[in-house]
Amino acid sequence: MIIGFMSVGLGILGLFLPLVPTTPFLLLAAACFAKSSEKMYNRLISNKYLGKYIINYREHRSMTRNVKISTIVLLWASMIFSAFFATSNIWIRIGMFVIASAVTFHLYKLKTHKEENEKS
């Protein structure tokens, strides 16, 4: 259960920090809770904000369009800010842009799942 709670915490951080992945930590938390506490597993899966990440990935291997867009925008905003204000080393800057490009490509390749409230 401890690893489950830590994973939920890291997953929540991932909602706000672009290079911290949300879905893998929530999947790990779900797996931990499935083994240790059915009550916590059900609470996580039915959570209004976090449950959809787990369900979309588990059932569809996808992300919603809004989540993809917000992730990519936050990713590039933080990378650009960090590259120009946090470091002056050109190799670190290049590395940051390579990482951001790779993450963007990965997100682009994931299927886009329609949200329930989106019109067809």
PDB file of N, CA and C in Angstrom:
ATOM      1  N   MET A   1       0.825  -1.200   0.000  1.00  0.00           N
ATOM      2  CA  MET A   1       0.000   0.000   0.000  1.00  0.00           C
ATOM      3  C   MET A   1       0.863   1.256   0.000  1.00  0.00           C
ATOM      4  N   ILE A   2       2.013   1.185   0.653  1.00  0.00           N
ATOM      5  CA  ILE A   2       2.896   2.345   0.694  1.00  0.00           C
ATOM      6  C   ILE A   2       3.351   2.719  -0.718  1.00  0.00           C
ATOM      7  N   ILE A   3       3.755   1.726  -1.495  1.00  0.00           N
ATOM      8  CA  ILE A   3       4.183   1.998  -2.871  1.00  0.00           C
ATOM      9  C   ILE A   3       3.004   2.540  -3.683  1.00  0.00           C
ATOM     10  N   GLY A   4       1.815   2.038  -3.436  1.00  0.00           N
ATOM     11  CA  GLY A   4       0.621   2.538  -4.117  1.00  0.00           C
ATOM     12  C   GLY A   4       0.385   4.012  -3.830  1.00  0.00           C
ATOM     13  N   PHE A   5       0.468   4.397  -2.556  1.00  0.00           N
ATOM     14  CA  PHE A   5       0.267   5.806  -2.200  1.00  0.00           C
ATOM     15  C   PHE A   5       1.373   6.699  -2.767  1.00  0.00           C
ATOM     16  N   MET A   6       2.613   6.197  -2.740  1.00  0.00           N
ATOM     17  CA  MET A   6       3.710   6.982  -3.316  1.00  0.00           C
ATOM     18  C   MET A   6       3.507   7.151  -4.830  1.00  0.00           C
ATOM     19  N   SER A   7       3.036   6.112  -5.481  1.00  0.00           N
ATOM     20  CA  SER A   7       2.799   6.180  -6.923  1.00  0.00           C
ATOM     21  C   SER A   7       1.671   7.149  -7.254  1.00  0.00           C
ATOM     22  N   VAL A   8       0.632   7.164  -6.439  1.00  0.00           N
ATOM     23  CA  VAL A   8      -0.450   8.139  -6.652  1.00  0.00           C
ATOM     24  C   VAL A   8       0.107   9.552  -6.520  1.00  0.00           C
ATOM     25  N   GLY A   9       0.934   9.778  -5.506  1.00  0.00           N
ATOM     26  CA  GLY A   9       1.537  11.102  -5.317  1.00  0.00           C
ATOM     27  C   GLY A   9       2.383  11.518  -6.510  1.00  0.00           C
ATOM     28  N   LEU A  10       3.204  10.604  -7.019  1.00  0.00           N
ATOM     29  CA  LEU A  10       4.023  10.911  -8.192  1.00  0.00           C
ATOM     30  C   LEU A  10       3.154  11.118  -9.430  1.00  0.00           C
ATOM     31  N   GLY A  11       2.073  10.345  -9.540  1.00  0.00           N
ATOM     32  CA  GLY A  11       1.147  10.528 -10.659  1.00  0.00           C
ATOM     33  C   GLY A  11       0.485  11.892 -10.631  1.00  0.00           C
ATOM     34  N   ILE A  12       0.130  12.351  -9.444  1.00  0.00           N
ATOM     35  CA  ILE A  12      -0.469  13.682  -9.304  1.00  0.00           C
ATOM     36  C   ILE A  12       0.559  14.753  -9.663  1.00  0.00           C
ATOM     37  N   LEU A  13       1.800  14.576  -9.224  1.00  0.00           N
ATOM     38  CA  LEU A  13       2.855  15.520  -9.630  1.00  0.00           C
ATOM     39  C   LEU A  13       2.999  15.558 -11.148  1.00  0.00           C
ATOM     40  N   GLY A  14       2.840  14.399 -11.771  1.00  0.00           N
ATOM     41  CA  GLY A  14       2.945  14.320 -13.226  1.00  0.00           C
ATOM     42  C   GLY A  14       1.890  15.120 -13.956  1.00  0.00           C
ATOM     43  N   LEU A  15       0.786  15.412 -13.292  1.00  0.00           N
ATOM     44  CA  LEU A  15      -0.228  16.266 -13.910  1.00  0.00           C
ATOM     45  C   LEU A  15       0.295  17.685 -14.118  1.00  0.00           C
ATOM     46  N   PHE A  16       1.245  18.085 -13.291  1.00  0.00           N
ATOM     47  CA  PHE A  16       1.731  19.458 -13.307  1.00  0.00           C
ATOM     48  C   PHE A  16       3.172  19.601 -13.798  1.00  0.00           C
ATOM     49  N   LEU A  17       3.949  18.535 -13.714  1.00  0.00           N
ATOM     50  CA  LEU A  17       5.351  18.567 -14.137  1.00  0.00           C
ATOM     51  C   LEU A  17       5.501  17.756 -15.420  1.00  0.00           C
ATOM     52  N   PRO A  18       5.836  18.391 -16.525  1.00  0.00           N
ATOM     53  CA  PRO A  18       5.809  17.738 -17.830  1.00  0.00           C
ATOM     54  C   PRO A  18       6.665  16.489 -17.987  1.00  0.00           C
ATOM     55  N   LEU A  19       7.821  16.408 -17.367  1.00  0.00           N
ATOM     56  CA  LEU A  19       8.659  15.234 -17.570  1.00  0.00           C
ATOM     57  C   LEU A  19       8.384  14.112 -16.581  1.00  0.00           C
ATOM     58  N   VAL A  20       7.446  14.315 -15.657  1.00  0.00           N
ATOM     59  CA  VAL A  20       7.052  13.262 -14.729  1.00  0.00           C
ATOM     60  C   VAL A  20       5.799  12.610 -15.315  1.00  0.00           C
ATOM     61  N   PRO A  21       5.884  11.333 -15.672  1.00  0.00           N
ATOM     62  CA  PRO A  21       4.737  10.688 -16.320  1.00  0.00           C
ATOM     63  C   PRO A  21       3.601  10.417 -15.330  1.00  0.00           C
ATOM     64  N   THR A  22       2.396  10.683 -15.748  1.00  0.00           N
ATOM     65  CA  THR A  22       1.236  10.466 -14.887  1.00  0.00           C
ATOM     66  C   THR A  22       0.748   9.027 -14.978  1.00  0.00           C
ATOM     67  N   THR A  23       0.457   8.579 -16.179  1.00  0.00           N
ATOM     68  CA  THR A  23      -0.197   7.285 -16.370  1.00  0.00           C
ATOM     69  C   THR A  23       0.605   6.100 -15.821  1.00  0.00           C
ATOM     70  N   PRO A  24       1.919   5.993 -16.077  1.00  0.00           N
ATOM     71  CA  PRO A  24       2.633   4.824 -15.521  1.00  0.00           C
ATOM     72  C   PRO A  24       2.581   4.749 -13.998  1.00  0.00           C
ATOM     73  N   PHE A  25       2.672   5.880 -13.328  1.00  0.00           N
ATOM     74  CA  PHE A  25       2.596   5.864 -11.866  1.00  0.00           C
ATOM     75  C   PHE A  25       1.201   5.471 -11.388  1.00  0.00           C
ATOM     76  N   LEU A  26       0.174   5.948 -12.089  1.00  0.00           N
ATOM     77  CA  LEU A  26      -1.186   5.574 -11.700  1.00  0.00           C
ATOM     78  C   LEU A  26      -1.450   4.098 -11.983  1.00  0.00           C
ATOM     79  N   LEU A  27      -0.890   3.570 -13.069  1.00  0.00           N
ATOM     80  CA  LEU A  27      -1.024   2.140 -13.352  1.00  0.00           C
ATOM     81  C   LEU A  27      -0.322   1.309 -12.276  1.00  0.00           C
ATOM     82  N   LEU A  28       0.853   1.766 -11.855  1.00  0.00           N
ATOM     83  CA  LEU A  28       1.564   1.071 -10.775  1.00  0.00           C
ATOM     84  C   LEU A  28       0.750   1.118  -9.483  1.00  0.00           C
ATOM     85  N   ALA A  29       0.185   2.271  -9.182  1.00  0.00           N
ATOM     86  CA  ALA A  29      -0.641   2.402  -7.971  1.00  0.00           C
ATOM     87  C   ALA A  29      -1.842   1.462  -8.050  1.00  0.00           C
ATOM     88  N   ALA A  30      -2.481   1.402  -9.213  1.00  0.00           N
ATOM     89  CA  ALA A  30      -3.635   0.514  -9.371  1.00  0.00           C
ATOM     90  C   ALA A  30      -3.228  -0.943  -9.155  1.00  0.00           C
ATOM     91  N   ALA A  31      -2.069  -1.328  -9.712  1.00  0.00           N
ATOM     92  CA  ALA A  31      -1.596  -2.708  -9.522  1.00  0.00           C
ATOM     93  C   ALA A  31      -1.306  -2.991  -8.055  1.00  0.00           C
ATOM     94  N   CYS A  32      -0.677  -2.045  -7.381  1.00  0.00           N
ATOM     95  CA  CYS A  32      -0.373  -2.226  -5.946  1.00  0.00           C
ATOM     96  C   CYS A  32      -1.644  -2.337  -5.125  1.00  0.00           C
ATOM     97  N   PHE A  33      -2.599  -1.462  -5.401  1.00  0.00           N
ATOM     98  CA  PHE A  33      -3.847  -1.491  -4.644  1.00  0.00           C
ATOM     99  C   PHE A  33      -4.675  -2.730  -4.969  1.00  0.00           C
ATOM    100  N   ALA A  34      -4.594  -3.220  -6.210  1.00  0.00           N
ATOM    101  CA  ALA A  34      -5.328  -4.433  -6.573  1.00  0.00           C
ATOM    102  C   ALA A  34      -4.848  -5.620  -5.746  1.00  0.00           C
ATOM    103  N   LYS A  35      -3.557  -5.617  -5.400  1.00  0.00           N
ATOM    104  CA  LYS A  35      -2.988  -6.708  -4.602  1.00  0.00           C
ATOM    105  C   LYS A  35      -3.185  -6.512  -3.092  1.00  0.00           C
ATOM    106  N   SER A  36      -3.266  -5.231  -2.655  1.00  0.00           N
ATOM    107  CA  SER A  36      -3.263  -4.985  -1.212  1.00  0.00           C
ATOM    108  C   SER A  36      -4.582  -4.485  -0.642  1.00  0.00           C
ATOM    109  N   SER A  37      -5.361  -3.745  -1.415  1.00  0.00           N
ATOM    110  CA  SER A  37      -6.582  -3.156  -0.865  1.00  0.00           C
ATOM    111  C   SER A  37      -7.613  -2.918  -1.962  1.00  0.00           C
ATOM    112  N   GLU A  38      -8.624  -3.764  -1.976  1.00  0.00           N
ATOM    113  CA  GLU A  38      -9.682  -3.623  -2.983  1.00  0.00           C
ATOM    114  C   GLU A  38     -10.384  -2.267  -2.834  1.00  0.00           C
ATOM    115  N   LYS A  39     -10.535  -1.812  -1.601  1.00  0.00           N
ATOM    116  CA  LYS A  39     -11.185  -0.522  -1.346  1.00  0.00           C
ATOM    117  C   LYS A  39     -10.406   0.620  -1.990  1.00  0.00           C
ATOM    118  N   MET A  40      -9.073   0.649  -1.809  1.00  0.00           N
ATOM    119  CA  MET A  40      -8.256   1.721  -2.394  1.00  0.00           C
ATOM    120  C   MET A  40      -8.220   1.605  -3.917  1.00  0.00           C
ATOM    121  N   TYR A  41      -8.184   0.377  -4.445  1.00  0.00           N
ATOM    122  CA  TYR A  41      -8.210   0.170  -5.891  1.00  0.00           C
ATOM    123  C   TYR A  41      -9.490   0.758  -6.479  1.00  0.00           C
ATOM    124  N   ASN A  42     -10.619   0.439  -5.873  1.00  0.00           N
ATOM    125  CA  ASN A  42     -11.903   0.953  -6.376  1.00  0.00           C
ATOM    126  C   ASN A  42     -11.987   2.465  -6.261  1.00  0.00           C
ATOM    127  N   ARG A  43     -11.449   3.021  -5.177  1.00  0.00           N
ATOM    128  CA  ARG A  43     -11.445   4.491  -5.031  1.00  0.00           C
ATOM    129  C   ARG A  43     -10.597   5.145  -6.108  1.00  0.00           C
ATOM    130  N   LEU A  44      -9.450   4.548  -6.425  1.00  0.00           N
ATOM    131  CA  LEU A  44      -8.567   5.102  -7.452  1.00  0.00           C
ATOM    132  C   LEU A  44      -9.215   5.016  -8.828  1.00  0.00           C
ATOM    133  N   ILE A  45      -9.762   3.871  -9.163  1.00  0.00           N
ATOM    134  CA  ILE A  45     -10.377   3.676 -10.476  1.00  0.00           C
ATOM    135  C   ILE A  45     -11.602   4.571 -10.656  1.00  0.00           C
ATOM    136  N   SER A  46     -12.341   4.798  -9.591  1.00  0.00           N
ATOM    137  CA  SER A  46     -13.560   5.607  -9.700  1.00  0.00           C
ATOM    138  C   SER A  46     -13.318   7.093  -9.434  1.00  0.00           C
ATOM    139  N   ASN A  47     -12.073   7.472  -9.167  1.00  0.00           N
ATOM    140  CA  ASN A  47     -11.757   8.877  -8.925  1.00  0.00           C
ATOM    141  C   ASN A  47     -12.077   9.712 -10.160  1.00  0.00           C
ATOM    142  N   LYS A  48     -12.746  10.825  -9.938  1.00  0.00           N
ATOM    143  CA  LYS A  48     -13.196  11.694 -11.031  1.00  0.00           C
ATOM    144  C   LYS A  48     -12.042  12.178 -11.907  1.00  0.00           C
ATOM    145  N   TYR A  49     -10.890  12.450 -11.331  1.00  0.00           N
ATOM    146  CA  TYR A  49      -9.771  13.018 -12.072  1.00  0.00           C
ATOM    147  C   TYR A  49      -8.725  11.979 -12.483  1.00  0.00           C
ATOM    148  N   LEU A  50      -8.410  11.057 -11.608  1.00  0.00           N
ATOM    149  CA  LEU A  50      -7.321  10.122 -11.871  1.00  0.00           C
ATOM    150  C   LEU A  50      -7.773   8.828 -12.541  1.00  0.00           C
ATOM    151  N   GLY A  51      -8.989   8.407 -12.270  1.00  0.00           N
ATOM    152  CA  GLY A  51      -9.475   7.136 -12.802  1.00  0.00           C
ATOM    153  C   GLY A  51      -9.479   7.077 -14.311  1.00  0.00           C
ATOM    154  N   LYS A  52      -9.773   8.202 -14.950  1.00  0.00           N
ATOM    155  CA  LYS A  52      -9.859   8.197 -16.417  1.00  0.00           C
ATOM    156  C   LYS A  52      -8.504   7.906 -17.070  1.00  0.00           C
ATOM    157  N   TYR A  53      -7.403   8.321 -16.454  1.00  0.00           N
ATOM    158  CA  TYR A  53      -6.080   8.028 -17.010  1.00  0.00           C
ATOM    159  C   TYR A  53      -5.853   6.514 -17.047  1.00  0.00           C
ATOM    160  N   ILE A  54      -6.202   5.864 -15.958  1.00  0.00           N
ATOM    161  CA  ILE A  54      -6.003   4.423 -15.856  1.00  0.00           C
ATOM    162  C   ILE A  54      -6.923   3.688 -16.821  1.00  0.00           C
ATOM    163  N   ILE A  55      -8.171   4.050 -16.824  1.00  0.00           N
ATOM    164  CA  ILE A  55      -9.153   3.364 -17.669  1.00  0.00           C
ATOM    165  C   ILE A  55      -8.852   3.570 -19.147  1.00  0.00           C
ATOM    166  N   ASN A  56      -8.553   4.804 -19.555  1.00  0.00           N
ATOM    167  CA  ASN A  56      -8.242   5.052 -20.970  1.00  0.00           C
ATOM    168  C   ASN A  56      -7.033   4.251 -21.418  1.00  0.00           C
ATOM    169  N   TYR A  57      -6.007   4.206 -20.592  1.00  0.00           N
ATOM    170  CA  TYR A  57      -4.814   3.480 -20.997  1.00  0.00           C
ATOM    171  C   TYR A  57      -5.060   1.967 -20.972  1.00  0.00           C
ATOM    172  N   ARG A  58      -5.705   1.483 -19.921  1.00  0.00           N
ATOM    173  CA  ARG A  58      -5.929   0.049 -19.773  1.00  0.00           C
ATOM    174  C   ARG A  58      -6.858  -0.494 -20.862  1.00  0.00           C
ATOM    175  N   GLU A  59      -7.911   0.242 -21.168  1.00  0.00           N
ATOM    176  CA  GLU A  59      -8.902  -0.251 -22.123  1.00  0.00           C
ATOM    177  C   GLU A  59      -8.609   0.149 -23.566  1.00  0.00           C
ATOM    178  N   HIS A  60      -8.002   1.312 -23.769  1.00  0.00           N
ATOM    179  CA  HIS A  60      -7.857   1.827 -25.133  1.00  0.00           C
ATOM    180  C   HIS A  60      -6.416   2.084 -25.562  1.00  0.00           C
ATOM    181  N   ARG A  61      -5.453   2.032 -24.623  1.00  0.00           N
ATOM    182  CA  ARG A  61      -4.063   2.402 -24.909  1.00  0.00           C
ATOM    183  C   ARG A  61      -4.037   3.778 -25.589  1.00  0.00           C
ATOM    184  N   SER A  62      -4.707   4.730 -24.939  1.00  0.00           N
ATOM    185  CA  SER A  62      -4.861   6.053 -25.553  1.00  0.00           C
ATOM    186  C   SER A  62      -4.904   7.156 -24.513  1.00  0.00           C
ATOM    187  N   MET A  63      -4.880   8.393 -25.025  1.00  0.00           N
ATOM    188  CA  MET A  63      -5.066   9.600 -24.214  1.00  0.00           C
ATOM    189  C   MET A  63      -6.126  10.444 -24.912  1.00  0.00           C
ATOM    190  N   THR A  64      -6.803  11.290 -24.157  1.00  0.00           N
ATOM    191  CA  THR A  64      -7.763  12.188 -24.799  1.00  0.00           C
ATOM    192  C   THR A  64      -7.006  13.323 -25.485  1.00  0.00           C
ATOM    193  N   ARG A  65      -7.642  13.939 -26.444  1.00  0.00           N
ATOM    194  CA  ARG A  65      -7.028  15.029 -27.193  1.00  0.00           C
ATOM    195  C   ARG A  65      -6.626  16.176 -26.270  1.00  0.00           C
ATOM    196  N   ASN A  66      -7.500  16.538 -25.342  1.00  0.00           N
ATOM    197  CA  ASN A  66      -7.197  17.649 -24.435  1.00  0.00           C
ATOM    198  C   ASN A  66      -5.986  17.355 -23.554  1.00  0.00           C
ATOM    199  N   VAL A  67      -5.867  16.110 -23.088  1.00  0.00           N
ATOM    200  CA  VAL A  67      -4.720  15.735 -22.261  1.00  0.00           C
ATOM    201  C   VAL A  67      -3.445  15.775 -23.093  1.00  0.00           C
ATOM    202  N   LYS A  68      -3.514  15.268 -24.327  1.00  0.00           N
ATOM    203  CA  LYS A  68      -2.339  15.327 -25.206  1.00  0.00           C
ATOM    204  C   LYS A  68      -1.887  16.769 -25.442  1.00  0.00           C
ATOM    205  N   ILE A  69      -2.829  17.619 -25.786  1.00  0.00           N
ATOM    206  CA  ILE A  69      -2.498  19.021 -26.088  1.00  0.00           C
ATOM    207  C   ILE A  69      -1.917  19.712 -24.864  1.00  0.00           C
ATOM    208  N   SER A  70      -2.558  19.572 -23.719  1.00  0.00           N
ATOM    209  CA  SER A  70      -2.057  20.254 -22.518  1.00  0.00           C
ATOM    210  C   SER A  70      -0.687  19.713 -22.103  1.00  0.00           C
ATOM    211  N   THR A  71      -0.472  18.414 -22.272  1.00  0.00           N
ATOM    212  CA  THR A  71       0.826  17.828 -21.940  1.00  0.00           C
ATOM    213  C   THR A  71       1.919  18.384 -22.829  1.00  0.00           C
ATOM    214  N   ILE A  72       1.653  18.449 -24.124  1.00  0.00           N
ATOM    215  CA  ILE A  72       2.660  18.948 -25.063  1.00  0.00           C
ATOM    216  C   ILE A  72       2.933  20.430 -24.841  1.00  0.00           C
ATOM    217  N   VAL A  73       1.900  21.217 -24.595  1.00  0.00           N
ATOM    218  CA  VAL A  73       2.094  22.650 -24.352  1.00  0.00           C
ATOM    219  C   VAL A  73       2.918  22.865 -23.083  1.00  0.00           C
ATOM    220  N   LEU A  74       2.573  22.183 -21.993  1.00  0.00           N
ATOM    221  CA  LEU A  74       3.334  22.320 -20.750  1.00  0.00           C
ATOM    222  C   LEU A  74       4.763  21.813 -20.908  1.00  0.00           C
ATOM    223  N   LEU A  75       4.927  20.728 -21.629  1.00  0.00           N
ATOM    224  CA  LEU A  75       6.263  20.184 -21.877  1.00  0.00           C
ATOM    225  C   LEU A  75       7.152  21.211 -22.563  1.00  0.00           C
ATOM    226  N   TRP A  76       6.674  21.770 -23.673  1.00  0.00           N
ATOM    227  CA  TRP A  76       7.504  22.712 -24.426  1.00  0.00           C
ATOM    228  C   TRP A  76       7.695  24.032 -23.682  1.00  0.00           C
ATOM    229  N   ALA A  77       6.676  24.479 -22.962  1.00  0.00           N
ATOM    230  CA  ALA A  77       6.822  25.723 -22.196  1.00  0.00           C
ATOM    231  C   ALA A  77       7.896  25.561 -21.119  1.00  0.00           C
ATOM    232  N   SER A  78       7.863  24.437 -20.416  1.00  0.00           N
ATOM    233  CA  SER A  78       8.867  24.241 -19.359  1.00  0.00           C
ATOM    234  C   SER A  78      10.253  24.011 -19.946  1.00  0.00           C
ATOM    235  N   MET A  79      10.342  23.336 -21.067  1.00  0.00           N
ATOM    236  CA  MET A  79      11.651  23.108 -21.695  1.00  0.00           C
ATOM    237  C   MET A  79      12.254  24.416 -22.206  1.00  0.00           C
ATOM    238  N   ILE A  80      11.447  25.214 -22.853  1.00  0.00           N
ATOM    239  CA  ILE A  80      11.948  26.493 -23.366  1.00  0.00           C
ATOM    240  C   ILE A  80      12.380  27.391 -22.210  1.00  0.00           C
ATOM    241  N   PHE A  81      11.552  27.469 -21.188  1.00  0.00           N
ATOM    242  CA  PHE A  81      11.899  28.281 -20.028  1.00  0.00           C
ATOM    243  C   PHE A  81      13.203  27.790 -19.400  1.00  0.00           C
ATOM    244  N   SER A  82      13.287  26.474 -19.176  1.00  0.00           N
ATOM    245  CA  SER A  82      14.487  25.906 -18.553  1.00  0.00           C
ATOM    246  C   SER A  82      15.724  26.089 -19.421  1.00  0.00           C
ATOM    247  N   ALA A  83      15.572  25.914 -20.719  1.00  0.00           N
ATOM    248  CA  ALA A  83      16.720  26.021 -21.621  1.00  0.00           C
ATOM    249  C   ALA A  83      17.304  27.430 -21.637  1.00  0.00           C
ATOM    250  N   PHE A  84      16.453  28.432 -21.504  1.00  0.00           N
ATOM    251  CA  PHE A  84      16.952  29.800 -21.599  1.00  0.00           C
ATOM    252  C   PHE A  84      17.199  30.483 -20.260  1.00  0.00           C
ATOM    253  N   PHE A  85      16.623  29.953 -19.180  1.00  0.00           N
ATOM    254  CA  PHE A  85      16.796  30.610 -17.889  1.00  0.00           C
ATOM    255  C   PHE A  85      17.476  29.737 -16.831  1.00  0.00           C
ATOM    256  N   ALA A  86      17.501  28.411 -17.019  1.00  0.00           N
ATOM    257  CA  ALA A  86      18.061  27.541 -15.987  1.00  0.00           C
ATOM    258  C   ALA A  86      19.464  27.048 -16.317  1.00  0.00           C
ATOM    259  N   THR A  87      19.852  27.122 -17.586  1.00  0.00           N
ATOM    260  CA  THR A  87      21.182  26.644 -17.955  1.00  0.00           C
ATOM    261  C   THR A  87      21.737  27.463 -19.112  1.00  0.00           C
ATOM    262  N   SER A  88      23.037  27.559 -19.144  1.00  0.00           N
ATOM    263  CA  SER A  88      23.682  28.226 -20.279  1.00  0.00           C
ATOM    264  C   SER A  88      24.516  27.230 -21.076  1.00  0.00           C
ATOM    265  N   ASN A  89      24.538  25.973 -20.633  1.00  0.00           N
ATOM    266  CA  ASN A  89      25.294  24.927 -21.312  1.00  0.00           C
ATOM    267  C   ASN A  89      24.555  24.491 -22.573  1.00  0.00           C
ATOM    268  N   ILE A  90      25.195  24.640 -23.713  1.00  0.00           N
ATOM    269  CA  ILE A  90      24.550  24.333 -24.994  1.00  0.00           C
ATOM    270  C   ILE A  90      24.181  22.865 -25.112  1.00  0.00           C
ATOM    271  N   TRP A  91      25.017  21.969 -24.556  1.00  0.00           N
ATOM    272  CA  TRP A  91      24.731  20.537 -24.656  1.00  0.00           C
ATOM    273  C   TRP A  91      23.513  20.146 -23.823  1.00  0.00           C
ATOM    274  N   ILE A  92      23.350  20.776 -22.687  1.00  0.00           N
ATOM    275  CA  ILE A  92      22.148  20.520 -21.876  1.00  0.00           C
ATOM    276  C   ILE A  92      20.919  21.035 -22.613  1.00  0.00           C
ATOM    277  N   ARG A  93      21.027  22.196 -23.216  1.00  0.00           N
ATOM    278  CA  ARG A  93      19.903  22.742 -23.996  1.00  0.00           C
ATOM    279  C   ARG A  93      19.531  21.808 -25.142  1.00  0.00           C
ATOM    280  N   ILE A  94      20.528  21.338 -25.866  1.00  0.00           N
ATOM    281  CA  ILE A  94      20.268  20.422 -26.983  1.00  0.00           C
ATOM    282  C   ILE A  94      19.614  19.143 -26.464  1.00  0.00           C
ATOM    283  N   GLY A  95      20.129  18.617 -25.359  1.00  0.00           N
ATOM    284  CA  GLY A  95      19.551  17.415 -24.757  1.00  0.00           C
ATOM    285  C   GLY A  95      18.099  17.609 -24.359  1.00  0.00           C
ATOM    286  N   MET A  96      17.799  18.763 -23.802  1.00  0.00           N
ATOM    287  CA  MET A  96      16.423  19.052 -23.399  1.00  0.00           C
ATOM    288  C   MET A  96      15.489  19.077 -24.604  1.00  0.00           C
ATOM    289  N   PHE A  97      15.950  19.667 -25.695  1.00  0.00           N
ATOM    290  CA  PHE A  97      15.106  19.725 -26.886  1.00  0.00           C
ATOM    291  C   PHE A  97      14.974  18.352 -27.548  1.00  0.00           C
ATOM    292  N   VAL A  98      15.990  17.533 -27.457  1.00  0.00           N
ATOM    293  CA  VAL A  98      15.896  16.166 -27.982  1.00  0.00           C
ATOM    294  C   VAL A  98      14.876  15.368 -27.166  1.00  0.00           C
ATOM    295  N   ILE A  99      14.947  15.497 -25.854  1.00  0.00           N
ATOM    296  CA  ILE A  99      13.992  14.799 -24.977  1.00  0.00           C
ATOM    297  C   ILE A  99      12.569  15.283 -25.247  1.00  0.00           C
ATOM    298  N   ALA A 100      12.388  16.595 -25.334  1.00  0.00           N
ATOM    299  CA  ALA A 100      11.050  17.139 -25.593  1.00  0.00           C
ATOM    300  C   ALA A 100      10.514  16.659 -26.935  1.00  0.00           C
ATOM    301  N   SER A 101      11.375  16.591 -27.928  1.00  0.00           N
ATOM    302  CA  SER A 101      10.951  16.103 -29.242  1.00  0.00           C
ATOM    303  C   SER A 101      10.550  14.636 -29.179  1.00  0.00           C
ATOM    304  N   ALA A 102      11.327  13.821 -28.470  1.00  0.00           N
ATOM    305  CA  ALA A 102      11.019  12.398 -28.354  1.00  0.00           C
ATOM    306  C   ALA A 102       9.702  12.174 -27.608  1.00  0.00           C
ATOM    307  N   VAL A 103       9.482  12.912 -26.531  1.00  0.00           N
ATOM    308  CA  VAL A 103       8.232  12.779 -25.774  1.00  0.00           C
ATOM    309  C   VAL A 103       7.049  13.231 -26.628  1.00  0.00           C
ATOM    310  N   THR A 104       7.222  14.314 -27.363  1.00  0.00           N
ATOM    311  CA  THR A 104       6.162  14.796 -28.252  1.00  0.00           C
ATOM    312  C   THR A 104       5.827  13.741 -29.297  1.00  0.00           C
ATOM    313  N   PHE A 105       6.836  13.120 -29.882  1.00  0.00           N
ATOM    314  CA  PHE A 105       6.613  12.078 -30.882  1.00  0.00           C
ATOM    315  C   PHE A 105       5.874  10.894 -30.261  1.00  0.00           C
ATOM    316  N   HIS A 106       6.279  10.492 -29.067  1.00  0.00           N
ATOM    317  CA  HIS A 106       5.605   9.383 -28.379  1.00  0.00           C
ATOM    318  C   HIS A 106       4.127   9.704 -28.138  1.00  0.00           C
ATOM    319  N   LEU A 107       3.848  10.905 -27.671  1.00  0.00           N
ATOM    320  CA  LEU A 107       2.456  11.302 -27.423  1.00  0.00           C
ATOM    321  C   LEU A 107       1.658  11.349 -28.719  1.00  0.00           C
ATOM    322  N   TYR A 108       2.296  11.805 -29.775  1.00  0.00           N
ATOM    323  CA  TYR A 108       1.631  11.871 -31.075  1.00  0.00           C
ATOM    324  C   TYR A 108       1.251  10.462 -31.559  1.00  0.00           C
ATOM    325  N   LYS A 109       2.115   9.486 -31.303  1.00  0.00           N
ATOM    326  CA  LYS A 109       1.873   8.125 -31.769  1.00  0.00           C
ATOM    327  C   LYS A 109       0.783   7.398 -30.969  1.00  0.00           C
ATOM    328  N   LEU A 110       0.511   7.838 -29.732  1.00  0.00           N
ATOM    329  CA  LEU A 110      -0.565   7.222 -28.958  1.00  0.00           C
ATOM    330  C   LEU A 110      -1.907   7.517 -29.622  1.00  0.00           C
ATOM    331  N   LYS A 111      -2.810   6.552 -29.539  1.00  0.00           N
ATOM    332  CA  LYS A 111      -4.147   6.780 -30.075  1.00  0.00           C
ATOM    333  C   LYS A 111      -4.823   7.904 -29.287  1.00  0.00           C
ATOM    334  N   THR A 112      -5.690   8.625 -29.966  1.00  0.00           N
ATOM    335  CA  THR A 112      -6.470   9.684 -29.317  1.00  0.00           C
ATOM    336  C   THR A 112      -7.856   9.135 -29.038  1.00  0.00           C
ATOM    337  N   HIS A 113      -8.223   9.149 -27.781  1.00  0.00           N
ATOM    338  CA  HIS A 113      -9.512   8.627 -27.329  1.00  0.00           C
ATOM    339  C   HIS A 113     -10.456   9.799 -27.122  1.00  0.00           C
ATOM    340  N   LYS A 114     -11.660   9.694 -27.661  1.00  0.00           N
ATOM    341  CA  LYS A 114     -12.649  10.763 -27.483  1.00  0.00           C
ATOM    342  C   LYS A 114     -13.152  10.777 -26.052  1.00  0.00           C
ATOM    343  N   GLU A 115     -13.323  11.979 -25.537  1.00  0.00           N
ATOM    344  CA  GLU A 115     -13.921  12.114 -24.210  1.00  0.00           C
ATOM    345  C   GLU A 115     -15.403  11.843 -24.312  1.00  0.00           C
ATOM    346  N   GLU A 116     -15.997  11.415 -23.216  1.00  0.00           N
ATOM    347  CA  GLU A 116     -17.418  11.071 -23.231  1.00  0.00           C
ATOM    348  C   GLU A 116     -18.293  12.266 -23.571  1.00  0.00           C
ATOM    349  N   ASN A 117     -17.884  13.470 -23.212  1.00  0.00           N
ATOM    350  CA  ASN A 117     -18.716  14.645 -23.464  1.00  0.00           C
ATOM    351  C   ASN A 117     -18.420  15.288 -24.812  1.00  0.00           C
ATOM    352  N   GLU A 118     -17.474  14.733 -25.610  1.00  0.00           N
ATOM    353  CA  GLU A 118     -17.200  15.264 -26.940  1.00  0.00           C
ATOM    354  C   GLU A 118     -18.259  14.772 -27.904  1.00  0.00           C
ATOM    355  N   LYS A 119     -18.604  15.614 -28.862  1.00  0.00           N
ATOM    356  CA  LYS A 119     -19.544  15.224 -29.893  1.00  0.00           C
ATOM    357  C   LYS A 119     -18.797  14.482 -30.992  1.00  0.00           C
ATOM    358  N   SER A 120     -19.446  13.516 -31.606  1.00  0.00           N
ATOM    359  CA  SER A 120     -18.820  12.725 -32.667  1.00  0.00           C
ATOM    360  C   SER A 120     -18.642  13.511 -33.932  1.00  0.00           C
TER     361      SER A 120
END
